[in-house]
PDB file of N, CA and C in Angstrom:
ATOM      1  N   MET A   1     -21.097 -27.990  -8.381  1.00  0.00           N
ATOM      2  CA  MET A   1     -20.897 -26.589  -8.073  1.00  0.00           C
ATOM      3  C   MET A   1     -19.480 -26.395  -7.550  1.00  0.00           C
ATOM      4  N   SER A   2     -18.913 -25.259  -7.847  1.00  0.00           N
ATOM      5  CA  SER A   2     -17.557 -25.001  -7.388  1.00  0.00           C
ATOM      6  C   SER A   2     -17.581 -24.305  -6.034  1.00  0.00           C
ATOM      7  N   LYS A   3     -16.570 -24.605  -5.261  1.00  0.00           N
ATOM      8  CA  LYS A   3     -16.446 -23.963  -3.960  1.00  0.00           C
ATOM      9  C   LYS A   3     -15.833 -22.581  -4.133  1.00  0.00           C
ATOM     10  N   ALA A   4     -16.277 -21.658  -3.321  1.00  0.00           N
ATOM     11  CA  ALA A   4     -15.681 -20.328  -3.340  1.00  0.00           C
ATOM     12  C   ALA A   4     -14.303 -20.420  -2.704  1.00  0.00           C
ATOM     13  N   THR A   5     -13.333 -19.796  -3.344  1.00  0.00           N
ATOM     14  CA  THR A   5     -11.995 -19.813  -2.791  1.00  0.00           C
ATOM     15  C   THR A   5     -11.743 -18.535  -2.025  1.00  0.00           C
ATOM     16  N   LYS A   6     -11.069 -18.689  -0.913  1.00  0.00           N
ATOM     17  CA  LYS A   6     -10.748 -17.534  -0.076  1.00  0.00           C
ATOM     18  C   LYS A   6      -9.509 -16.858  -0.639  1.00  0.00           C
ATOM     19  N   LYS A   7      -9.590 -15.548  -0.777  1.00  0.00           N
ATOM     20  CA  LYS A   7      -8.483 -14.777  -1.293  1.00  0.00           C
ATOM     21  C   LYS A   7      -7.384 -14.695  -0.236  1.00  0.00           C
ATOM     22  N   SER A   8      -6.157 -14.993  -0.634  1.00  0.00           N
ATOM     23  CA  SER A   8      -5.040 -14.910   0.288  1.00  0.00           C
ATOM     24  C   SER A   8      -4.676 -13.456   0.537  1.00  0.00           C
ATOM     25  N   THR A   9      -4.323 -13.146   1.780  1.00  0.00           N
ATOM     26  CA  THR A   9      -3.903 -11.783   2.100  1.00  0.00           C
ATOM     27  C   THR A   9      -2.388 -11.665   2.074  1.00  0.00           C
ATOM     28  N   GLN A  10      -1.696 -12.771   1.850  1.00  0.00           N
ATOM     29  CA  GLN A  10      -0.244 -12.752   1.817  1.00  0.00           C
ATOM     30  C   GLN A  10       0.254 -12.562   0.385  1.00  0.00           C
ATOM     31  N   PRO A  11       1.324 -11.777   0.216  1.00  0.00           N
ATOM     32  CA  PRO A  11       1.899 -11.643  -1.113  1.00  0.00           C
ATOM     33  C   PRO A  11       2.386 -13.002  -1.600  1.00  0.00           C
ATOM     34  N   LYS A  12       2.226 -13.270  -2.891  1.00  0.00           N
ATOM     35  CA  LYS A  12       2.611 -14.559  -3.438  1.00  0.00           C
ATOM     36  C   LYS A  12       4.112 -14.667  -3.656  1.00  0.00           C
ATOM     37  N   THR A  13       4.765 -13.564  -3.939  1.00  0.00           N
ATOM     38  CA  THR A  13       6.200 -13.588  -4.142  1.00  0.00           C
ATOM     39  C   THR A  13       6.841 -12.511  -3.293  1.00  0.00           C
ATOM     40  N   GLN A  14       8.110 -12.735  -2.990  1.00  0.00           N
ATOM     41  CA  GLN A  14       8.819 -11.743  -2.192  1.00  0.00           C
ATOM     42  C   GLN A  14       8.856 -10.432  -2.971  1.00  0.00           C
ATOM     43  N   GLY A  15       8.566  -9.346  -2.300  1.00  0.00           N
ATOM     44  CA  GLY A  15       8.543  -8.047  -2.956  1.00  0.00           C
ATOM     45  C   GLY A  15       7.170  -7.672  -3.471  1.00  0.00           C
ATOM     46  N   ALA A  16       6.240  -8.628  -3.486  1.00  0.00           N
ATOM     47  CA  ALA A  16       4.885  -8.315  -3.934  1.00  0.00           C
ATOM     48  C   ALA A  16       4.177  -7.500  -2.852  1.00  0.00           C
ATOM     49  N   VAL A  17       3.251  -6.681  -3.277  1.00  0.00           N
ATOM     50  CA  VAL A  17       2.520  -5.823  -2.341  1.00  0.00           C
ATOM     51  C   VAL A  17       1.242  -6.530  -1.900  1.00  0.00           C
ATOM     52  N   ASP A  18       0.992  -6.523  -0.613  1.00  0.00           N
ATOM     53  CA  ASP A  18      -0.233  -7.080  -0.052  1.00  0.00           C
ATOM     54  C   ASP A  18      -1.274  -5.957  -0.030  1.00  0.00           C
ATOM     55  N   TRP A  19      -2.136  -5.907  -1.037  1.00  0.00           N
ATOM     56  CA  TRP A  19      -3.078  -4.798  -1.197  1.00  0.00           C
ATOM     57  C   TRP A  19      -4.130  -4.779  -0.102  1.00  0.00           C
ATOM     58  N   THR A  20      -4.448  -5.935   0.468  1.00  0.00           N
ATOM     59  CA  THR A  20      -5.388  -5.964   1.586  1.00  0.00           C
ATOM     60  C   THR A  20      -4.779  -5.240   2.784  1.00  0.00           C
ATOM     61  N   ALA A  21      -3.494  -5.473   3.028  1.00  0.00           N
ATOM     62  CA  ALA A  21      -2.805  -4.795   4.131  1.00  0.00           C
ATOM     63  C   ALA A  21      -2.685  -3.298   3.851  1.00  0.00           C
ATOM     64  N   VAL A  22      -2.446  -2.924   2.603  1.00  0.00           N
ATOM     65  CA  VAL A  22      -2.399  -1.500   2.238  1.00  0.00           C
ATOM     66  C   VAL A  22      -3.750  -0.864   2.550  1.00  0.00           C
ATOM     67  N   GLY A  23      -4.819  -1.535   2.192  1.00  0.00           N
ATOM     68  CA  GLY A  23      -6.162  -1.037   2.485  1.00  0.00           C
ATOM     69  C   GLY A  23      -6.406  -0.866   3.974  1.00  0.00           C
ATOM     70  N   ARG A  24      -5.916  -1.823   4.760  1.00  0.00           N
ATOM     71  CA  ARG A  24      -6.060  -1.711   6.224  1.00  0.00           C
ATOM     72  C   ARG A  24      -5.301  -0.505   6.754  1.00  0.00           C
ATOM     73  N   ARG A  25      -4.111  -0.236   6.186  1.00  0.00           N
ATOM     74  CA  ARG A  25      -3.347   0.926   6.636  1.00  0.00           C
ATOM     75  C   ARG A  25      -4.047   2.231   6.241  1.00  0.00           C
ATOM     76  N   ILE A  26      -4.637   2.262   5.065  1.00  0.00           N
ATOM     77  CA  ILE A  26      -5.397   3.449   4.660  1.00  0.00           C
ATOM     78  C   ILE A  26      -6.564   3.657   5.612  1.00  0.00           C
ATOM     79  N   ARG A  27      -7.261   2.589   5.952  1.00  0.00           N
ATOM     80  CA  ARG A  27      -8.395   2.677   6.886  1.00  0.00           C
ATOM     81  C   ARG A  27      -7.915   3.139   8.253  1.00  0.00           C
ATOM     82  N   GLU A  28      -6.792   2.602   8.701  1.00  0.00           N
ATOM     83  CA  GLU A  28      -6.216   2.998   9.986  1.00  0.00           C
ATOM     84  C   GLU A  28      -5.867   4.489   9.975  1.00  0.00           C
ATOM     85  N   LEU A  29      -5.315   4.946   8.878  1.00  0.00           N
ATOM     86  CA  LEU A  29      -4.934   6.352   8.752  1.00  0.00           C
ATOM     87  C   LEU A  29      -6.161   7.258   8.791  1.00  0.00           C
ATOM     88  N   ARG A  30      -7.248   6.815   8.186  1.00  0.00           N
ATOM     89  CA  ARG A  30      -8.487   7.604   8.172  1.00  0.00           C
ATOM     90  C   ARG A  30      -9.058   7.738   9.571  1.00  0.00           C
ATOM     91  N   GLY A  31      -8.913   6.697  10.386  1.00  0.00           N
ATOM     92  CA  GLY A  31      -9.404   6.754  11.757  1.00  0.00           C
ATOM     93  C   GLY A  31     -10.918   6.826  11.831  1.00  0.00           C
ATOM     94  N   PHE A  32     -11.408   7.240  12.989  1.00  0.00           N
ATOM     95  CA  PHE A  32     -12.848   7.297  13.213  1.00  0.00           C
ATOM     96  C   PHE A  32     -13.404   8.708  13.152  1.00  0.00           C
ATOM     97  N   ASP A  33     -12.527   9.701  13.072  1.00  0.00           N
ATOM     98  CA  ASP A  33     -12.993  11.075  13.091  1.00  0.00           C
ATOM     99  C   ASP A  33     -13.109  11.714  11.715  1.00  0.00           C
ATOM    100  N   ILE A  34     -12.912  10.930  10.651  1.00  0.00           N
ATOM    101  CA  ILE A  34     -13.067  11.437   9.294  1.00  0.00           C
ATOM    102  C   ILE A  34     -13.851  10.414   8.467  1.00  0.00           C
ATOM    103  N   THR A  35     -14.813  10.891   7.715  1.00  0.00           N
ATOM    104  CA  THR A  35     -15.635   9.983   6.915  1.00  0.00           C
ATOM    105  C   THR A  35     -14.890   9.577   5.648  1.00  0.00           C
ATOM    106  N   GLN A  36     -15.351   8.486   5.047  1.00  0.00           N
ATOM    107  CA  GLN A  36     -14.786   8.078   3.763  1.00  0.00           C
ATOM    108  C   GLN A  36     -14.943   9.199   2.737  1.00  0.00           C
ATOM    109  N   ALA A  37     -16.093   9.846   2.740  1.00  0.00           N
ATOM    110  CA  ALA A  37     -16.349  10.906   1.762  1.00  0.00           C
ATOM    111  C   ALA A  37     -15.357  12.062   1.928  1.00  0.00           C
ATOM    112  N   GLU A  38     -15.101  12.465   3.173  1.00  0.00           N
ATOM    113  CA  GLU A  38     -14.163  13.565   3.408  1.00  0.00           C
ATOM    114  C   GLU A  38     -12.735  13.161   3.049  1.00  0.00           C
ATOM    115  N   PHE A  39     -12.327  11.958   3.461  1.00  0.00           N
ATOM    116  CA  PHE A  39     -10.988  11.461   3.146  1.00  0.00           C
ATOM    117  C   PHE A  39     -10.816  11.400   1.630  1.00  0.00           C
ATOM    118  N   ALA A  40     -11.810  10.853   0.943  1.00  0.00           N
ATOM    119  CA  ALA A  40     -11.759  10.714  -0.513  1.00  0.00           C
ATOM    120  C   ALA A  40     -11.623  12.073  -1.189  1.00  0.00           C
ATOM    121  N   LEU A  41     -12.379  13.048  -0.723  1.00  0.00           N
ATOM    122  CA  LEU A  41     -12.308  14.401  -1.275  1.00  0.00           C
ATOM    123  C   LEU A  41     -10.907  14.981  -1.102  1.00  0.00           C
ATOM    124  N   ARG A  42     -10.323  14.764   0.060  1.00  0.00           N
ATOM    125  CA  ARG A  42      -8.992  15.308   0.351  1.00  0.00           C
ATOM    126  C   ARG A  42      -7.892  14.682  -0.492  1.00  0.00           C
ATOM    127  N   VAL A  43      -8.082  13.439  -0.940  1.00  0.00           N
ATOM    128  CA  VAL A  43      -7.048  12.785  -1.751  1.00  0.00           C
ATOM    129  C   VAL A  43      -7.428  12.666  -3.233  1.00  0.00           C
ATOM    130  N   GLY A  44      -8.601  13.183  -3.588  1.00  0.00           N
ATOM    131  CA  GLY A  44      -8.969  13.258  -4.997  1.00  0.00           C
ATOM    132  C   GLY A  44      -9.534  12.008  -5.628  1.00  0.00           C
ATOM    133  N   VAL A  45     -10.257  11.205  -4.839  1.00  0.00           N
ATOM    134  CA  VAL A  45     -10.932  10.017  -5.382  1.00  0.00           C
ATOM    135  C   VAL A  45     -12.386  10.045  -4.939  1.00  0.00           C
ATOM    136  N   THR A  46     -13.187   9.148  -5.480  1.00  0.00           N
ATOM    137  CA  THR A  46     -14.579   9.055  -5.044  1.00  0.00           C
ATOM    138  C   THR A  46     -14.657   8.228  -3.761  1.00  0.00           C
ATOM    139  N   GLN A  47     -15.762   8.377  -3.049  1.00  0.00           N
ATOM    140  CA  GLN A  47     -15.973   7.591  -1.834  1.00  0.00           C
ATOM    141  C   GLN A  47     -16.001   6.096  -2.166  1.00  0.00           C
ATOM    142  N   GLY A  48     -16.623   5.733  -3.270  1.00  0.00           N
ATOM    143  CA  GLY A  48     -16.697   4.328  -3.671  1.00  0.00           C
ATOM    144  C   GLY A  48     -15.325   3.743  -3.968  1.00  0.00           C
ATOM    145  N   HIS A  49     -14.483   4.531  -4.630  1.00  0.00           N
ATOM    146  CA  HIS A  49     -13.118   4.066  -4.928  1.00  0.00           C
ATOM    147  C   HIS A  49     -12.332   3.873  -3.630  1.00  0.00           C
ATOM    148  N   LEU A  50     -12.460   4.833  -2.711  1.00  0.00           N
ATOM    149  CA  LEU A  50     -11.782   4.714  -1.427  1.00  0.00           C
ATOM    150  C   LEU A  50     -12.248   3.461  -0.682  1.00  0.00           C
ATOM    151  N   SER A  51     -13.526   3.189  -0.722  1.00  0.00           N
ATOM    152  CA  SER A  51     -14.062   1.995  -0.072  1.00  0.00           C
ATOM    153  C   SER A  51     -13.410   0.733  -0.640  1.00  0.00           C
ATOM    154  N   ARG A  52     -13.276   0.671  -1.964  1.00  0.00           N
ATOM    155  CA  ARG A  52     -12.639  -0.493  -2.603  1.00  0.00           C
ATOM    156  C   ARG A  52     -11.151  -0.568  -2.257  1.00  0.00           C
ATOM    157  N   LEU A  53     -10.481   0.587  -2.128  1.00  0.00           N
ATOM    158  CA  LEU A  53      -9.079   0.600  -1.706  1.00  0.00           C
ATOM    159  C   LEU A  53      -8.940   0.034  -0.298  1.00  0.00           C
ATOM    160  N   GLU A  54      -9.805   0.487   0.607  1.00  0.00           N
ATOM    161  CA  GLU A  54      -9.744   0.038   1.999  1.00  0.00           C
ATOM    162  C   GLU A  54     -10.002  -1.455   2.133  1.00  0.00           C
ATOM    163  N   ARG A  55     -10.792  -2.027   1.242  1.00  0.00           N
ATOM    164  CA  ARG A  55     -11.071  -3.472   1.276  1.00  0.00           C
ATOM    165  C   ARG A  55     -10.027  -4.276   0.507  1.00  0.00           C
ATOM    166  N   GLY A  56      -9.065  -3.604  -0.117  1.00  0.00           N
ATOM    167  CA  GLY A  56      -8.024  -4.296  -0.874  1.00  0.00           C
ATOM    168  C   GLY A  56      -8.493  -4.798  -2.221  1.00  0.00           C
ATOM    169  N   GLU A  57      -9.614  -4.285  -2.706  1.00  0.00           N
ATOM    170  CA  GLU A  57     -10.165  -4.722  -3.988  1.00  0.00           C
ATOM    171  C   GLU A  57      -9.559  -3.959  -5.163  1.00  0.00           C
ATOM    172  N   LYS A  58      -8.997  -2.802  -4.897  1.00  0.00           N
ATOM    173  CA  LYS A  58      -8.352  -1.972  -5.915  1.00  0.00           C
ATOM    174  C   LYS A  58      -6.959  -1.613  -5.459  1.00  0.00           C
ATOM    175  N   GLU A  59      -6.066  -1.425  -6.418  1.00  0.00           N
ATOM    176  CA  GLU A  59      -4.713  -0.986  -6.119  1.00  0.00           C
ATOM    177  C   GLU A  59      -4.635   0.522  -6.331  1.00  0.00           C
ATOM    178  N   PRO A  60      -4.160   1.255  -5.313  1.00  0.00           N
ATOM    179  CA  PRO A  60      -4.030   2.694  -5.513  1.00  0.00           C
ATOM    180  C   PRO A  60      -2.865   2.982  -6.455  1.00  0.00           C
ATOM    181  N   GLY A  61      -3.053   3.923  -7.337  1.00  0.00           N
ATOM    182  CA  GLY A  61      -1.973   4.325  -8.219  1.00  0.00           C
ATOM    183  C   GLY A  61      -1.014   5.255  -7.497  1.00  0.00           C
ATOM    184  N   ALA A  62       0.051   5.618  -8.195  1.00  0.00           N
ATOM    185  CA  ALA A  62       1.065   6.494  -7.611  1.00  0.00           C
ATOM    186  C   ALA A  62       0.466   7.834  -7.193  1.00  0.00           C
ATOM    187  N   ARG A  63      -0.429   8.389  -7.997  1.00  0.00           N
ATOM    188  CA  ARG A  63      -1.036   9.689  -7.677  1.00  0.00           C
ATOM    189  C   ARG A  63      -1.796   9.630  -6.359  1.00  0.00           C
ATOM    190  N   VAL A  64      -2.556   8.562  -6.163  1.00  0.00           N
ATOM    191  CA  VAL A  64      -3.342   8.414  -4.931  1.00  0.00           C
ATOM    192  C   VAL A  64      -2.421   8.174  -3.740  1.00  0.00           C
ATOM    193  N   LEU A  65      -1.416   7.318  -3.903  1.00  0.00           N
ATOM    194  CA  LEU A  65      -0.472   7.071  -2.814  1.00  0.00           C
ATOM    195  C   LEU A  65       0.235   8.359  -2.399  1.00  0.00           C
ATOM    196  N   LEU A  66       0.672   9.152  -3.388  1.00  0.00           N
ATOM    197  CA  LEU A  66       1.327  10.429  -3.071  1.00  0.00           C
ATOM    198  C   LEU A  66       0.371  11.398  -2.390  1.00  0.00           C
ATOM    199  N   ALA A  67      -0.861  11.442  -2.857  1.00  0.00           N
ATOM    200  CA  ALA A  67      -1.848  12.345  -2.252  1.00  0.00           C
ATOM    201  C   ALA A  67      -2.102  11.972  -0.790  1.00  0.00           C
ATOM    202  N   ILE A  68      -2.252  10.673  -0.511  1.00  0.00           N
ATOM    203  CA  ILE A  68      -2.469  10.217   0.867  1.00  0.00           C
ATOM    204  C   ILE A  68      -1.240  10.549   1.707  1.00  0.00           C
ATOM    205  N   SER A  69      -0.066  10.257   1.165  1.00  0.00           N
ATOM    206  CA  SER A  69       1.183  10.515   1.876  1.00  0.00           C
ATOM    207  C   SER A  69       1.323  11.990   2.243  1.00  0.00           C
ATOM    208  N   ARG A  70       1.090  12.861   1.298  1.00  0.00           N
ATOM    209  CA  ARG A  70       1.247  14.294   1.530  1.00  0.00           C
ATOM    210  C   ARG A  70       0.159  14.864   2.427  1.00  0.00           C
ATOM    211  N   GLU A  71      -1.054  14.414   2.252  1.00  0.00           N
ATOM    212  CA  GLU A  71      -2.180  14.951   3.020  1.00  0.00           C
ATOM    213  C   GLU A  71      -2.136  14.523   4.485  1.00  0.00           C
ATOM    214  N   PHE A  72      -1.659  13.308   4.744  1.00  0.00           N
ATOM    215  CA  PHE A  72      -1.733  12.760   6.097  1.00  0.00           C
ATOM    216  C   PHE A  72      -0.369  12.501   6.741  1.00  0.00           C
ATOM    217  N   GLY A  73       0.719  12.893   6.072  1.00  0.00           N
ATOM    218  CA  GLY A  73       2.042  12.843   6.682  1.00  0.00           C
ATOM    219  C   GLY A  73       2.616  11.457   6.912  1.00  0.00           C
ATOM    220  N   LYS A  74       2.235  10.512   6.087  1.00  0.00           N
ATOM    221  CA  LYS A  74       2.805   9.160   6.166  1.00  0.00           C
ATOM    222  C   LYS A  74       3.563   8.888   4.872  1.00  0.00           C
ATOM    223  N   SER A  75       4.641   8.125   4.966  1.00  0.00           N
ATOM    224  CA  SER A  75       5.423   7.841   3.764  1.00  0.00           C
ATOM    225  C   SER A  75       4.719   6.820   2.881  1.00  0.00           C
ATOM    226  N   VAL A  76       5.031   6.859   1.602  1.00  0.00           N
ATOM    227  CA  VAL A  76       4.513   5.853   0.674  1.00  0.00           C
ATOM    228  C   VAL A  76       5.037   4.482   1.091  1.00  0.00           C
ATOM    229  N   ASP A  77       6.283   4.431   1.569  1.00  0.00           N
ATOM    230  CA  ASP A  77       6.828   3.157   2.065  1.00  0.00           C
ATOM    231  C   ASP A  77       5.948   2.583   3.160  1.00  0.00           C
ATOM    232  N   TRP A  78       5.513   3.427   4.111  1.00  0.00           N
ATOM    233  CA  TRP A  78       4.655   2.937   5.185  1.00  0.00           C
ATOM    234  C   TRP A  78       3.328   2.442   4.620  1.00  0.00           C
ATOM    235  N   LEU A  79       2.752   3.187   3.688  1.00  0.00           N
ATOM    236  CA  LEU A  79       1.487   2.751   3.098  1.00  0.00           C
ATOM    237  C   LEU A  79       1.628   1.384   2.435  1.00  0.00           C
ATOM    238  N   LEU A  80       2.743   1.157   1.740  1.00  0.00           N
ATOM    239  CA  LEU A  80       2.931  -0.088   1.006  1.00  0.00           C
ATOM    240  C   LEU A  80       3.412  -1.257   1.860  1.00  0.00           C
ATOM    241  N   THR A  81       4.230  -0.959   2.881  1.00  0.00           N
ATOM    242  CA  THR A  81       4.861  -2.054   3.630  1.00  0.00           C
ATOM    243  C   THR A  81       4.487  -2.096   5.106  1.00  0.00           C
ATOM    244  N   GLY A  82       4.030  -0.975   5.651  1.00  0.00           N
ATOM    245  CA  GLY A  82       3.760  -0.911   7.075  1.00  0.00           C
ATOM    246  C   GLY A  82       4.996  -0.607   7.890  1.00  0.00           C
ATOM    247  N   LYS A  83       6.124  -0.438   7.232  1.00  0.00           N
ATOM    248  CA  LYS A  83       7.388  -0.154   7.917  1.00  0.00           C
ATOM    249  C   LYS A  83       7.742   1.314   7.725  1.00  0.00           C
ATOM    250  N   THR A  84       8.254   1.923   8.799  1.00  0.00           N
ATOM    251  CA  THR A  84       8.644   3.324   8.684  1.00  0.00           C
ATOM    252  C   THR A  84      10.020   3.466   8.063  1.00  0.00           C
ATOM    253  N   GLN A  85      10.871   2.481   8.257  1.00  0.00           N
ATOM    254  CA  GLN A  85      12.205   2.472   7.668  1.00  0.00           C
ATOM    255  C   GLN A  85      12.329   1.214   6.813  1.00  0.00           C
ATOM    256  N   VAL A  86      12.577   1.392   5.544  1.00  0.00           N
ATOM    257  CA  VAL A  86      12.754   0.251   4.659  1.00  0.00           C
ATOM    258  C   VAL A  86      14.249   0.010   4.509  1.00  0.00           C
ATOM    259  N   GLU A  87      14.672  -1.213   4.798  1.00  0.00           N
ATOM    260  CA  GLU A  87      16.089  -1.532   4.699  1.00  0.00           C
ATOM    261  C   GLU A  87      16.495  -1.661   3.243  1.00  0.00           C
ATOM    262  N   PRO A  88      17.652  -1.057   2.901  1.00  0.00           N
ATOM    263  CA  PRO A  88      18.109  -1.174   1.512  1.00  0.00           C
ATOM    264  C   PRO A  88      18.469  -2.615   1.187  1.00  0.00           C
ATOM    265  N   LYS A  89      18.278  -2.956  -0.057  1.00  0.00           N
ATOM    266  CA  LYS A  89      18.605  -4.294  -0.513  1.00  0.00           C
ATOM    267  C   LYS A  89      20.122  -4.464  -0.475  1.00  0.00           C
ATOM    268  N   ARG A  90      20.565  -5.568   0.048  1.00  0.00           N
ATOM    269  CA  ARG A  90      22.008  -5.817   0.122  1.00  0.00           C
ATOM    270  C   ARG A  90      22.502  -6.325  -1.215  1.00  0.00           C
ATOM    271  N   ARG A  91      23.596  -5.741  -1.649  1.00  0.00           N
ATOM    272  CA  ARG A  91      24.197  -6.166  -2.917  1.00  0.00           C
ATOM    273  C   ARG A  91      25.396  -7.052  -2.628  1.00  0.00           C
ATOM    274  N   ALA A  92      25.599  -8.001  -3.512  1.00  0.00           N
ATOM    275  CA  ALA A  92      26.765  -8.869  -3.382  1.00  0.00           C
ATOM    276  C   ALA A  92      28.004  -8.039  -3.684  1.00  0.00           C
ATOM    277  N   ALA A  93      29.039  -8.260  -2.885  1.00  0.00           N
ATOM    278  CA  ALA A  93      30.300  -7.545  -3.113  1.00  0.00           C
ATOM    279  C   ALA A  93      30.895  -8.002  -4.434  1.00  0.00           C
ATOM    280  N   LYS A  94      31.391  -7.039  -5.192  1.00  0.00           N
ATOM    281  CA  LYS A  94      31.999  -7.383  -6.477  1.00  0.00           C
ATOM    282  C   LYS A  94      33.421  -7.873  -6.243  1.00  0.00           C
ATOM    283  N   ASN A  95      33.762  -8.868  -6.970  1.00  0.00           N
ATOM    284  CA  ASN A  95      35.124  -9.412  -6.896  1.00  0.00           C
ATOM    285  C   ASN A  95      36.031  -8.526  -7.746  1.00  0.00           C
ATOM    286  N   PRO A  96      37.083  -7.927  -7.156  1.00  0.00           N
ATOM    287  CA  PRO A  96      37.977  -7.056  -7.937  1.00  0.00           C
ATOM    288  C   PRO A  96      38.589  -7.752  -9.149  1.00  0.00           C
ATOM    289  N   ALA A  97      38.760  -9.064  -9.080  1.00  0.00           N
ATOM    290  CA  ALA A  97      39.323  -9.793 -10.208  1.00  0.00           C
ATOM    291  C   ALA A  97      38.379  -9.797 -11.407  1.00  0.00           C
ATOM    292  N   ASP A  98      37.044  -9.673 -11.136  1.00  0.00           N
ATOM    293  CA  ASP A  98      36.054  -9.680 -12.219  1.00  0.00           C
ATOM    294  C   ASP A  98      35.975  -8.338 -12.934  1.00  0.00           C
ATOM    295  N   LEU A  99      36.513  -7.288 -12.328  1.00  0.00           N
ATOM    296  CA  LEU A  99      36.432  -5.954 -12.915  1.00  0.00           C
ATOM    297  C   LEU A  99      37.458  -5.749 -14.027  1.00  0.00           C
ATOM    298  N   GLY A 100      38.491  -6.552 -14.071  1.00  0.00           N
ATOM    299  CA  GLY A 100      39.639  -6.342 -14.882  1.00  0.00           C
ATOM    300  C   GLY A 100      39.604  -6.505 -16.301  1.00  0.00           C
TER     301      GLY A 100
END
């Protein structure tokens, strides 16, 4: 018999999204004063879909992320990363000699 493997909650590559953490942030945003059914209605998904999002079993699409962001006043960046300010990627300085 095969052993059940535990799903990692860490992104496998840099820049990958940790969907379990996204689900936790959605759950945190919902809080205790709003039901899954009400939250789902407000963002345009079913209660079952929202439940799977909160458990990290499904990835929310852009439409759902935007709906959550607009309805509850949190940025899509925060939903995806947990950070309120995302630092821009640093680019290597171009060598003026290479432009010529």
